[in-house]
Amino acid sequence: MNSGCLRVIGVDPGLEITGVAVLDVRGNSFSPVFCDCIITGRDISLHKRLEQIYIMLCSYIRQYNPDCLAIEDIFFSSNVKTALLIGSARGVAMLAGTSNNLEVYEYTPLQMKQAIVGYGRATKKQVKYMLKTILGVKDNFFSSRDDAWDAMGIALCHANTRKFEKKVSDSIEKKV
């Protein structure tokens, strides 16, 4: 991306549905670029589904040329099999990022909600409302699937976290 602009690709990993979003950040302004889902069929073998996620993410990375990849971390899962499948999709997404020379950043759903809404236990409805408000977009910009919204939330979480960390770093450097 060009100087003064950070382009983040956000990923909400899942075996059946992987949310993908691209967000441009210039100073204090956010411009959503892309938001959709990669959907894999249940009738396809696990390794082919993972390959499909990898190929599509690499395609989006080449198309949108992001500076980094932000991905949702698994926070909690009571179902071990589900956690393993999500973990497989996460691994493939992280591989897509690193194989395309992107730095990968991980955020839990709690961190994302805290960064967007200011409350780590916010509802999906509250997150959607704040995303629409912060980004200035209408409902039809996003996919109807929550995974796409979550991917944009992860991208915005990274943008906010990065700005905060830079302010702290700059403040410490001034004092030294």
N, C-alpha and C. Protein backbone atom coordinates (compact mmCIF):
# COMPACT_ATOMS: atom_id res chain seq x y z
N MET A 1 0.85 -1.18 0.00
CA MET A 1 0.00 0.00 0.00
C MET A 1 0.89 1.24 0.00
N ASN A 2 0.30 2.37 -0.31
CA ASN A 2 1.10 3.58 -0.39
C ASN A 2 1.37 4.18 0.99
N SER A 3 2.29 5.12 1.03
CA SER A 3 2.70 5.75 2.27
C SER A 3 1.52 6.44 2.95
N GLY A 4 1.47 6.32 4.26
CA GLY A 4 0.40 6.96 5.01
C GLY A 4 -0.87 6.15 5.08
N CYS A 5 -0.91 5.03 4.43
CA CYS A 5 -2.11 4.19 4.43
C CYS A 5 -1.72 2.78 4.84
N LEU A 6 -2.53 2.21 5.71
CA LEU A 6 -2.37 0.82 6.11
C LEU A 6 -3.56 0.05 5.56
N ARG A 7 -3.30 -1.04 4.87
CA ARG A 7 -4.37 -1.90 4.38
C ARG A 7 -4.29 -3.22 5.14
N VAL A 8 -5.39 -3.54 5.81
CA VAL A 8 -5.47 -4.74 6.64
C VAL A 8 -6.47 -5.70 6.02
N ILE A 9 -6.08 -6.98 5.93
CA ILE A 9 -7.05 -8.01 5.56
C ILE A 9 -7.41 -8.73 6.86
N GLY A 10 -8.69 -8.74 7.17
CA GLY A 10 -9.19 -9.39 8.38
C GLY A 10 -9.80 -10.73 8.02
N VAL A 11 -9.58 -11.73 8.87
CA VAL A 11 -10.08 -13.08 8.61
C VAL A 11 -10.77 -13.63 9.85
N ASP A 12 -11.99 -14.10 9.66
CA ASP A 12 -12.72 -14.84 10.69
C ASP A 12 -12.75 -16.28 10.20
N PRO A 13 -11.83 -17.13 10.69
CA PRO A 13 -11.67 -18.46 10.12
C PRO A 13 -12.77 -19.44 10.53
N GLY A 14 -13.12 -20.28 9.59
CA GLY A 14 -14.06 -21.36 9.82
C GLY A 14 -13.95 -22.34 8.68
N LEU A 15 -14.25 -23.59 8.92
CA LEU A 15 -14.13 -24.57 7.86
C LEU A 15 -15.25 -24.41 6.84
N GLU A 16 -16.46 -24.21 7.31
CA GLU A 16 -17.59 -24.05 6.39
C GLU A 16 -17.66 -22.63 5.83
N ILE A 17 -17.47 -21.64 6.72
CA ILE A 17 -17.55 -20.24 6.31
C ILE A 17 -16.37 -19.49 6.90
N THR A 18 -15.58 -18.85 6.05
CA THR A 18 -14.47 -18.00 6.47
C THR A 18 -14.80 -16.58 6.03
N GLY A 19 -14.91 -15.69 7.00
CA GLY A 19 -15.15 -14.28 6.68
C GLY A 19 -13.85 -13.61 6.27
N VAL A 20 -13.93 -12.73 5.27
CA VAL A 20 -12.76 -12.00 4.78
C VAL A 20 -13.15 -10.54 4.58
N ALA A 21 -12.32 -9.63 5.06
CA ALA A 21 -12.59 -8.20 4.90
C ALA A 21 -11.28 -7.46 4.66
N VAL A 22 -11.36 -6.39 3.90
CA VAL A 22 -10.19 -5.55 3.64
C VAL A 22 -10.57 -4.13 4.06
N LEU A 23 -9.67 -3.53 4.85
CA LEU A 23 -9.91 -2.20 5.40
C LEU A 23 -8.69 -1.32 5.17
N ASP A 24 -8.92 -0.11 4.65
CA ASP A 24 -7.85 0.88 4.51
C ASP A 24 -7.92 1.84 5.70
N VAL A 25 -6.75 2.16 6.24
CA VAL A 25 -6.66 3.05 7.40
C VAL A 25 -5.73 4.19 7.04
N ARG A 26 -6.25 5.41 7.10
CA ARG A 26 -5.46 6.63 6.86
C ARG A 26 -5.68 7.55 8.04
N GLY A 27 -4.69 7.65 8.91
CA GLY A 27 -4.86 8.47 10.10
C GLY A 27 -6.02 7.96 10.94
N ASN A 28 -7.01 8.83 11.12
CA ASN A 28 -8.19 8.45 11.91
C ASN A 28 -9.38 8.05 11.04
N SER A 29 -9.15 7.87 9.76
CA SER A 29 -10.28 7.50 8.89
C SER A 29 -10.13 6.06 8.40
N PHE A 30 -11.26 5.41 8.33
CA PHE A 30 -11.32 4.01 7.91
C PHE A 30 -12.17 3.90 6.65
N SER A 31 -11.66 3.16 5.67
CA SER A 31 -12.39 2.95 4.42
C SER A 31 -12.50 1.46 4.15
N PRO A 32 -13.70 0.90 4.30
CA PRO A 32 -13.87 -0.52 3.97
C PRO A 32 -13.76 -0.72 2.47
N VAL A 33 -13.01 -1.72 2.06
CA VAL A 33 -12.74 -1.97 0.65
C VAL A 33 -13.52 -3.20 0.17
N PHE A 34 -13.53 -4.25 0.97
CA PHE A 34 -14.12 -5.53 0.57
C PHE A 34 -14.59 -6.26 1.82
N CYS A 35 -15.68 -7.00 1.67
CA CYS A 35 -16.19 -7.77 2.80
C CYS A 35 -17.08 -8.89 2.26
N ASP A 36 -16.67 -10.15 2.47
CA ASP A 36 -17.45 -11.28 1.97
C ASP A 36 -17.02 -12.55 2.70
N CYS A 37 -17.48 -13.68 2.21
CA CYS A 37 -17.16 -14.97 2.84
C CYS A 37 -16.69 -15.98 1.81
N ILE A 38 -15.81 -16.86 2.26
CA ILE A 38 -15.42 -18.05 1.50
C ILE A 38 -16.25 -19.18 2.07
N ILE A 39 -17.01 -19.85 1.23
CA ILE A 39 -17.89 -20.93 1.69
C ILE A 39 -17.44 -22.23 1.06
N THR A 40 -17.20 -23.23 1.90
CA THR A 40 -16.80 -24.54 1.39
C THR A 40 -17.94 -25.53 1.63
N GLY A 41 -18.12 -26.43 0.71
CA GLY A 41 -19.21 -27.40 0.80
C GLY A 41 -18.91 -28.54 1.75
N ARG A 42 -19.91 -28.98 2.46
CA ARG A 42 -19.75 -30.10 3.40
C ARG A 42 -19.49 -31.42 2.69
N ASP A 43 -19.83 -31.47 1.42
CA ASP A 43 -19.66 -32.71 0.65
C ASP A 43 -18.23 -32.89 0.12
N ILE A 44 -17.37 -31.90 0.40
CA ILE A 44 -15.98 -31.95 -0.06
C ILE A 44 -15.10 -32.44 1.09
N SER A 45 -14.04 -33.17 0.79
CA SER A 45 -13.14 -33.69 1.83
C SER A 45 -12.46 -32.54 2.57
N LEU A 46 -12.04 -32.82 3.79
CA LEU A 46 -11.40 -31.82 4.64
C LEU A 46 -10.22 -31.17 3.94
N HIS A 47 -9.32 -31.97 3.38
CA HIS A 47 -8.13 -31.37 2.78
C HIS A 47 -8.47 -30.50 1.57
N LYS A 48 -9.52 -30.83 0.82
CA LYS A 48 -9.92 -29.99 -0.32
C LYS A 48 -10.57 -28.69 0.17
N ARG A 49 -11.30 -28.76 1.27
CA ARG A 49 -11.90 -27.55 1.84
C ARG A 49 -10.81 -26.59 2.32
N LEU A 50 -9.81 -27.14 2.99
CA LEU A 50 -8.70 -26.31 3.46
C LEU A 50 -7.93 -25.71 2.29
N GLU A 51 -7.74 -26.51 1.25
CA GLU A 51 -7.06 -26.01 0.05
C GLU A 51 -7.86 -24.87 -0.57
N GLN A 52 -9.18 -25.02 -0.61
CA GLN A 52 -10.05 -23.98 -1.18
C GLN A 52 -9.91 -22.67 -0.39
N ILE A 53 -9.89 -22.76 0.94
CA ILE A 53 -9.72 -21.57 1.78
C ILE A 53 -8.38 -20.92 1.49
N TYR A 54 -7.33 -21.73 1.42
CA TYR A 54 -5.98 -21.22 1.16
C TYR A 54 -5.91 -20.52 -0.21
N ILE A 55 -6.41 -21.16 -1.23
CA ILE A 55 -6.36 -20.60 -2.58
C ILE A 55 -7.14 -19.28 -2.66
N MET A 56 -8.33 -19.25 -2.07
CA MET A 56 -9.14 -18.02 -2.11
C MET A 56 -8.48 -16.89 -1.32
N LEU A 57 -7.94 -17.19 -0.13
CA LEU A 57 -7.27 -16.15 0.64
C LEU A 57 -6.05 -15.61 -0.10
N CYS A 58 -5.27 -16.51 -0.69
CA CYS A 58 -4.11 -16.05 -1.48
C CYS A 58 -4.55 -15.17 -2.64
N SER A 59 -5.67 -15.53 -3.25
CA SER A 59 -6.21 -14.73 -4.35
C SER A 59 -6.61 -13.33 -3.86
N TYR A 60 -7.28 -13.26 -2.73
CA TYR A 60 -7.66 -11.95 -2.16
C TYR A 60 -6.42 -11.15 -1.77
N ILE A 61 -5.41 -11.81 -1.24
CA ILE A 61 -4.18 -11.12 -0.86
C ILE A 61 -3.50 -10.54 -2.10
N ARG A 62 -3.43 -11.30 -3.16
CA ARG A 62 -2.83 -10.79 -4.41
C ARG A 62 -3.68 -9.66 -5.00
N GLN A 63 -5.00 -9.79 -4.94
CA GLN A 63 -5.89 -8.79 -5.52
C GLN A 63 -5.85 -7.46 -4.75
N TYR A 64 -5.88 -7.54 -3.41
CA TYR A 64 -6.00 -6.33 -2.60
C TYR A 64 -4.69 -5.83 -2.01
N ASN A 65 -3.62 -6.64 -2.08
CA ASN A 65 -2.29 -6.23 -1.66
C ASN A 65 -2.26 -5.59 -0.26
N PRO A 66 -2.72 -6.32 0.77
CA PRO A 66 -2.71 -5.75 2.12
C PRO A 66 -1.31 -5.69 2.70
N ASP A 67 -1.17 -4.89 3.76
CA ASP A 67 0.10 -4.77 4.46
C ASP A 67 0.26 -5.82 5.55
N CYS A 68 -0.86 -6.32 6.06
CA CYS A 68 -0.81 -7.32 7.13
C CYS A 68 -2.14 -8.09 7.16
N LEU A 69 -2.12 -9.17 7.92
CA LEU A 69 -3.32 -10.01 8.08
C LEU A 69 -3.65 -10.08 9.56
N ALA A 70 -4.90 -9.76 9.90
CA ALA A 70 -5.39 -9.88 11.27
C ALA A 70 -6.40 -11.02 11.28
N ILE A 71 -6.27 -11.91 12.26
CA ILE A 71 -7.12 -13.10 12.28
C ILE A 71 -7.71 -13.29 13.66
N GLU A 72 -8.93 -13.82 13.68
CA GLU A 72 -9.58 -14.10 14.96
C GLU A 72 -8.97 -15.36 15.57
N ASP A 73 -8.64 -15.25 16.83
CA ASP A 73 -8.09 -16.38 17.58
C ASP A 73 -9.25 -17.17 18.18
N ILE A 74 -9.03 -18.44 18.41
CA ILE A 74 -10.05 -19.26 19.07
C ILE A 74 -10.02 -18.88 20.54
N PHE A 75 -11.14 -18.42 21.04
CA PHE A 75 -11.21 -18.00 22.43
C PHE A 75 -11.66 -19.15 23.33
N PHE A 76 -12.71 -19.83 22.90
CA PHE A 76 -13.24 -20.92 23.71
C PHE A 76 -14.10 -21.80 22.83
N SER A 77 -14.00 -23.08 23.03
CA SER A 77 -14.89 -24.00 22.34
C SER A 77 -15.11 -25.21 23.23
N SER A 78 -16.36 -25.51 23.49
CA SER A 78 -16.67 -26.67 24.33
C SER A 78 -16.62 -27.95 23.51
N ASN A 79 -16.65 -27.83 22.19
CA ASN A 79 -16.62 -28.98 21.30
C ASN A 79 -15.21 -29.12 20.72
N VAL A 80 -14.50 -30.16 21.12
CA VAL A 80 -13.11 -30.36 20.70
C VAL A 80 -13.01 -30.51 19.18
N LYS A 81 -13.91 -31.27 18.59
CA LYS A 81 -13.86 -31.48 17.14
C LYS A 81 -14.02 -30.15 16.39
N THR A 82 -14.96 -29.32 16.83
CA THR A 82 -15.16 -28.01 16.21
C THR A 82 -13.90 -27.16 16.36
N ALA A 83 -13.31 -27.17 17.54
CA ALA A 83 -12.09 -26.38 17.77
C ALA A 83 -10.97 -26.84 16.85
N LEU A 84 -10.83 -28.14 16.65
CA LEU A 84 -9.79 -28.65 15.76
C LEU A 84 -10.03 -28.21 14.32
N LEU A 85 -11.28 -28.26 13.87
CA LEU A 85 -11.59 -27.84 12.50
C LEU A 85 -11.34 -26.35 12.30
N ILE A 86 -11.76 -25.55 13.29
CA ILE A 86 -11.50 -24.11 13.20
C ILE A 86 -9.99 -23.85 13.25
N GLY A 87 -9.29 -24.61 14.09
CA GLY A 87 -7.84 -24.49 14.16
C GLY A 87 -7.16 -24.81 12.83
N SER A 88 -7.70 -25.80 12.13
CA SER A 88 -7.15 -26.14 10.81
C SER A 88 -7.36 -24.98 9.83
N ALA A 89 -8.55 -24.39 9.85
CA ALA A 89 -8.84 -23.25 8.97
C ALA A 89 -7.97 -22.05 9.35
N ARG A 90 -7.76 -21.84 10.65
CA ARG A 90 -6.88 -20.75 11.11
C ARG A 90 -5.46 -20.96 10.59
N GLY A 91 -4.98 -22.20 10.70
CA GLY A 91 -3.62 -22.51 10.25
C GLY A 91 -3.44 -22.24 8.77
N VAL A 92 -4.42 -22.62 7.98
CA VAL A 92 -4.36 -22.39 6.54
C VAL A 92 -4.39 -20.89 6.24
N ALA A 93 -5.22 -20.14 6.98
CA ALA A 93 -5.30 -18.69 6.77
C ALA A 93 -3.98 -18.02 7.15
N MET A 94 -3.38 -18.46 8.26
CA MET A 94 -2.11 -17.89 8.68
C MET A 94 -1.01 -18.24 7.68
N LEU A 95 -1.05 -19.45 7.14
CA LEU A 95 -0.10 -19.85 6.11
C LEU A 95 -0.26 -18.99 4.86
N ALA A 96 -1.50 -18.71 4.47
CA ALA A 96 -1.74 -17.84 3.31
C ALA A 96 -1.10 -16.48 3.54
N GLY A 97 -1.23 -15.95 4.76
CA GLY A 97 -0.62 -14.66 5.06
C GLY A 97 0.89 -14.71 5.02
N THR A 98 1.48 -15.65 5.75
CA THR A 98 2.94 -15.70 5.81
C THR A 98 3.57 -16.10 4.48
N SER A 99 2.91 -16.94 3.71
CA SER A 99 3.48 -17.32 2.41
C SER A 99 3.40 -16.17 1.41
N ASN A 100 2.61 -15.14 1.75
CA ASN A 100 2.55 -13.94 0.92
C ASN A 100 3.25 -12.76 1.61
N ASN A 101 4.17 -13.10 2.51
CA ASN A 101 5.02 -12.12 3.19
C ASN A 101 4.26 -11.09 4.03
N LEU A 102 3.15 -11.51 4.63
CA LEU A 102 2.40 -10.62 5.50
C LEU A 102 2.69 -10.95 6.96
N GLU A 103 2.75 -9.92 7.76
CA GLU A 103 2.81 -10.10 9.21
C GLU A 103 1.41 -10.51 9.66
N VAL A 104 1.31 -11.48 10.56
CA VAL A 104 0.01 -11.98 11.02
C VAL A 104 -0.20 -11.58 12.47
N TYR A 105 -1.38 -11.02 12.77
CA TYR A 105 -1.74 -10.58 14.10
C TYR A 105 -3.01 -11.31 14.53
N GLU A 106 -3.05 -11.74 15.78
CA GLU A 106 -4.18 -12.52 16.28
C GLU A 106 -4.92 -11.76 17.38
N TYR A 107 -6.26 -11.81 17.33
CA TYR A 107 -7.10 -11.14 18.32
C TYR A 107 -8.25 -12.06 18.71
N THR A 108 -8.55 -12.10 19.98
CA THR A 108 -9.69 -12.90 20.44
C THR A 108 -10.98 -12.13 20.17
N PRO A 109 -12.12 -12.83 20.17
CA PRO A 109 -13.40 -12.13 20.03
C PRO A 109 -13.59 -11.06 21.11
N LEU A 110 -13.13 -11.33 22.32
CA LEU A 110 -13.22 -10.34 23.40
C LEU A 110 -12.44 -9.07 23.06
N GLN A 111 -11.23 -9.23 22.54
CA GLN A 111 -10.41 -8.07 22.17
C GLN A 111 -11.08 -7.28 21.05
N MET A 112 -11.65 -8.00 20.07
CA MET A 112 -12.32 -7.32 18.96
C MET A 112 -13.51 -6.51 19.46
N LYS A 113 -14.34 -7.12 20.30
CA LYS A 113 -15.52 -6.42 20.82
C LYS A 113 -15.11 -5.22 21.67
N GLN A 114 -14.06 -5.38 22.45
CA GLN A 114 -13.57 -4.27 23.27
C GLN A 114 -13.11 -3.11 22.39
N ALA A 115 -12.41 -3.42 21.31
CA ALA A 115 -11.89 -2.38 20.41
C ALA A 115 -13.00 -1.69 19.62
N ILE A 116 -14.07 -2.40 19.31
CA ILE A 116 -15.15 -1.84 18.48
C ILE A 116 -16.23 -1.17 19.32
N VAL A 117 -16.68 -1.88 20.34
CA VAL A 117 -17.83 -1.43 21.14
C VAL A 117 -17.39 -0.80 22.47
N GLY A 118 -16.22 -1.22 22.96
CA GLY A 118 -15.77 -0.75 24.26
C GLY A 118 -16.17 -1.69 25.38
N TYR A 119 -16.74 -2.82 25.00
CA TYR A 119 -17.20 -3.81 25.98
C TYR A 119 -16.96 -5.20 25.41
N GLY A 120 -16.15 -6.00 26.09
CA GLY A 120 -15.75 -7.30 25.58
C GLY A 120 -16.84 -8.34 25.48
N ARG A 121 -17.96 -8.11 26.13
CA ARG A 121 -19.08 -9.07 26.07
C ARG A 121 -20.24 -8.53 25.23
N ALA A 122 -19.93 -7.62 24.32
CA ALA A 122 -20.96 -7.03 23.45
C ALA A 122 -21.62 -8.10 22.59
N THR A 123 -22.86 -7.85 22.20
CA THR A 123 -23.60 -8.77 21.34
C THR A 123 -23.22 -8.54 19.88
N LYS A 124 -23.56 -9.51 19.04
CA LYS A 124 -23.33 -9.36 17.59
C LYS A 124 -24.04 -8.11 17.07
N LYS A 125 -25.24 -7.88 17.56
CA LYS A 125 -26.03 -6.72 17.13
C LYS A 125 -25.30 -5.41 17.47
N GLN A 126 -24.72 -5.34 18.67
CA GLN A 126 -23.98 -4.14 19.06
C GLN A 126 -22.74 -3.95 18.20
N VAL A 127 -22.04 -5.04 17.90
CA VAL A 127 -20.84 -4.97 17.06
C VAL A 127 -21.23 -4.48 15.66
N LYS A 128 -22.29 -5.04 15.10
CA LYS A 128 -22.74 -4.62 13.76
C LYS A 128 -23.10 -3.14 13.74
N TYR A 129 -23.83 -2.70 14.75
CA TYR A 129 -24.22 -1.30 14.82
C TYR A 129 -22.99 -0.38 14.84
N MET A 130 -22.02 -0.73 15.69
CA MET A 130 -20.82 0.11 15.78
C MET A 130 -19.99 0.06 14.50
N LEU A 131 -19.89 -1.10 13.88
CA LEU A 131 -19.15 -1.19 12.61
C LEU A 131 -19.79 -0.28 11.56
N LYS A 132 -21.12 -0.35 11.45
CA LYS A 132 -21.81 0.51 10.47
C LYS A 132 -21.57 1.98 10.79
N THR A 133 -21.61 2.32 12.07
CA THR A 133 -21.44 3.71 12.48
C THR A 133 -20.00 4.19 12.24
N ILE A 134 -19.03 3.43 12.68
CA ILE A 134 -17.62 3.82 12.54
C ILE A 134 -17.20 3.90 11.07
N LEU A 135 -17.65 2.91 10.29
CA LEU A 135 -17.23 2.84 8.88
C LEU A 135 -18.12 3.65 7.95
N GLY A 136 -19.28 4.08 8.43
CA GLY A 136 -20.18 4.87 7.60
C GLY A 136 -20.75 4.10 6.42
N VAL A 137 -21.08 2.83 6.64
CA VAL A 137 -21.62 2.01 5.55
C VAL A 137 -23.05 1.57 5.88
N LYS A 138 -23.74 1.20 4.86
CA LYS A 138 -25.11 0.68 5.02
C LYS A 138 -25.06 -0.84 5.16
N ASP A 139 -26.18 -1.41 5.58
CA ASP A 139 -26.27 -2.86 5.77
C ASP A 139 -25.83 -3.65 4.54
N ASN A 140 -26.19 -3.17 3.35
CA ASN A 140 -25.93 -3.95 2.14
C ASN A 140 -24.46 -4.00 1.73
N PHE A 141 -23.59 -3.22 2.42
CA PHE A 141 -22.16 -3.32 2.12
C PHE A 141 -21.63 -4.69 2.56
N PHE A 142 -22.13 -5.15 3.68
CA PHE A 142 -21.68 -6.41 4.25
C PHE A 142 -22.50 -7.58 3.73
N SER A 143 -21.89 -8.73 3.76
CA SER A 143 -22.60 -9.98 3.51
C SER A 143 -23.64 -10.14 4.61
N SER A 144 -24.65 -10.93 4.36
CA SER A 144 -25.66 -11.17 5.40
C SER A 144 -25.11 -12.10 6.48
N ARG A 145 -23.98 -12.70 6.25
CA ARG A 145 -23.38 -13.64 7.20
C ARG A 145 -22.54 -12.91 8.25
N ASP A 146 -22.70 -13.33 9.49
CA ASP A 146 -21.95 -12.72 10.59
C ASP A 146 -20.44 -12.84 10.41
N ASP A 147 -19.99 -13.88 9.73
CA ASP A 147 -18.55 -14.11 9.56
C ASP A 147 -17.88 -12.94 8.82
N ALA A 148 -18.57 -12.37 7.85
CA ALA A 148 -18.02 -11.23 7.12
C ALA A 148 -17.91 -10.02 8.05
N TRP A 149 -18.94 -9.79 8.85
CA TRP A 149 -18.92 -8.70 9.82
C TRP A 149 -17.78 -8.90 10.82
N ASP A 150 -17.62 -10.15 11.29
CA ASP A 150 -16.54 -10.44 12.24
C ASP A 150 -15.17 -10.19 11.63
N ALA A 151 -15.00 -10.52 10.36
CA ALA A 151 -13.72 -10.29 9.69
C ALA A 151 -13.42 -8.79 9.63
N MET A 152 -14.42 -7.97 9.34
CA MET A 152 -14.21 -6.52 9.32
C MET A 152 -13.92 -6.02 10.74
N GLY A 153 -14.58 -6.61 11.72
CA GLY A 153 -14.32 -6.25 13.11
C GLY A 153 -12.89 -6.54 13.51
N ILE A 154 -12.37 -7.68 13.07
CA ILE A 154 -10.98 -8.05 13.36
C ILE A 154 -10.02 -7.07 12.68
N ALA A 155 -10.31 -6.69 11.44
CA ALA A 155 -9.46 -5.71 10.73
C ALA A 155 -9.47 -4.37 11.46
N LEU A 156 -10.65 -3.92 11.88
CA LEU A 156 -10.76 -2.65 12.59
C LEU A 156 -10.10 -2.74 13.97
N CYS A 157 -10.23 -3.87 14.62
CA CYS A 157 -9.56 -4.10 15.91
C CYS A 157 -8.05 -3.93 15.74
N HIS A 158 -7.50 -4.51 14.69
CA HIS A 158 -6.06 -4.38 14.46
C HIS A 158 -5.69 -2.91 14.22
N ALA A 159 -6.48 -2.22 13.42
CA ALA A 159 -6.19 -0.81 13.13
C ALA A 159 -6.19 0.01 14.42
N ASN A 160 -7.18 -0.20 15.28
CA ASN A 160 -7.25 0.54 16.54
C ASN A 160 -6.11 0.16 17.49
N THR A 161 -5.81 -1.12 17.56
CA THR A 161 -4.73 -1.60 18.43
C THR A 161 -3.39 -1.04 17.96
N ARG A 162 -3.17 -1.05 16.66
CA ARG A 162 -1.92 -0.54 16.10
C ARG A 162 -1.76 0.95 16.40
N LYS A 163 -2.84 1.73 16.25
CA LYS A 163 -2.77 3.16 16.53
C LYS A 163 -2.47 3.41 18.00
N PHE A 164 -3.10 2.64 18.90
CA PHE A 164 -2.87 2.78 20.33
C PHE A 164 -1.42 2.45 20.67
N GLU A 165 -0.92 1.33 20.14
CA GLU A 165 0.45 0.93 20.42
C GLU A 165 1.45 1.96 19.90
N LYS A 166 1.15 2.57 18.75
CA LYS A 166 2.04 3.61 18.21
C LYS A 166 2.05 4.84 19.12
N LYS A 167 0.89 5.23 19.63
CA LYS A 167 0.84 6.38 20.54
C LYS A 167 1.63 6.11 21.81
N VAL A 168 1.50 4.93 22.36
CA VAL A 168 2.25 4.56 23.56
C VAL A 168 3.75 4.57 23.27
N SER A 169 4.14 3.98 22.16
CA SER A 169 5.55 3.93 21.77
C SER A 169 6.11 5.34 21.58
N ASP A 170 5.35 6.20 20.89
CA ASP A 170 5.79 7.58 20.66
C ASP A 170 5.93 8.33 21.99
N SER A 171 5.02 8.10 22.91
CA SER A 171 5.05 8.74 24.21
C SER A 171 6.27 8.31 25.01
N ILE A 172 6.58 7.02 24.95
CA ILE A 172 7.75 6.51 25.67
C ILE A 172 9.04 7.07 25.07
N GLU A 173 9.11 7.14 23.73
CA GLU A 173 10.30 7.69 23.08
C GLU A 173 10.52 9.16 23.45
N LYS A 174 9.45 9.92 23.60
CA LYS A 174 9.58 11.34 23.97
C LYS A 174 10.14 11.50 25.38
N LYS A 175 9.81 10.56 26.25
CA LYS A 175 10.27 10.63 27.64
C LYS A 175 11.72 10.17 27.80
N VAL A 176 12.21 9.41 26.84
CA VAL A 176 13.58 8.88 26.94
C VAL A 176 14.57 9.81 26.37
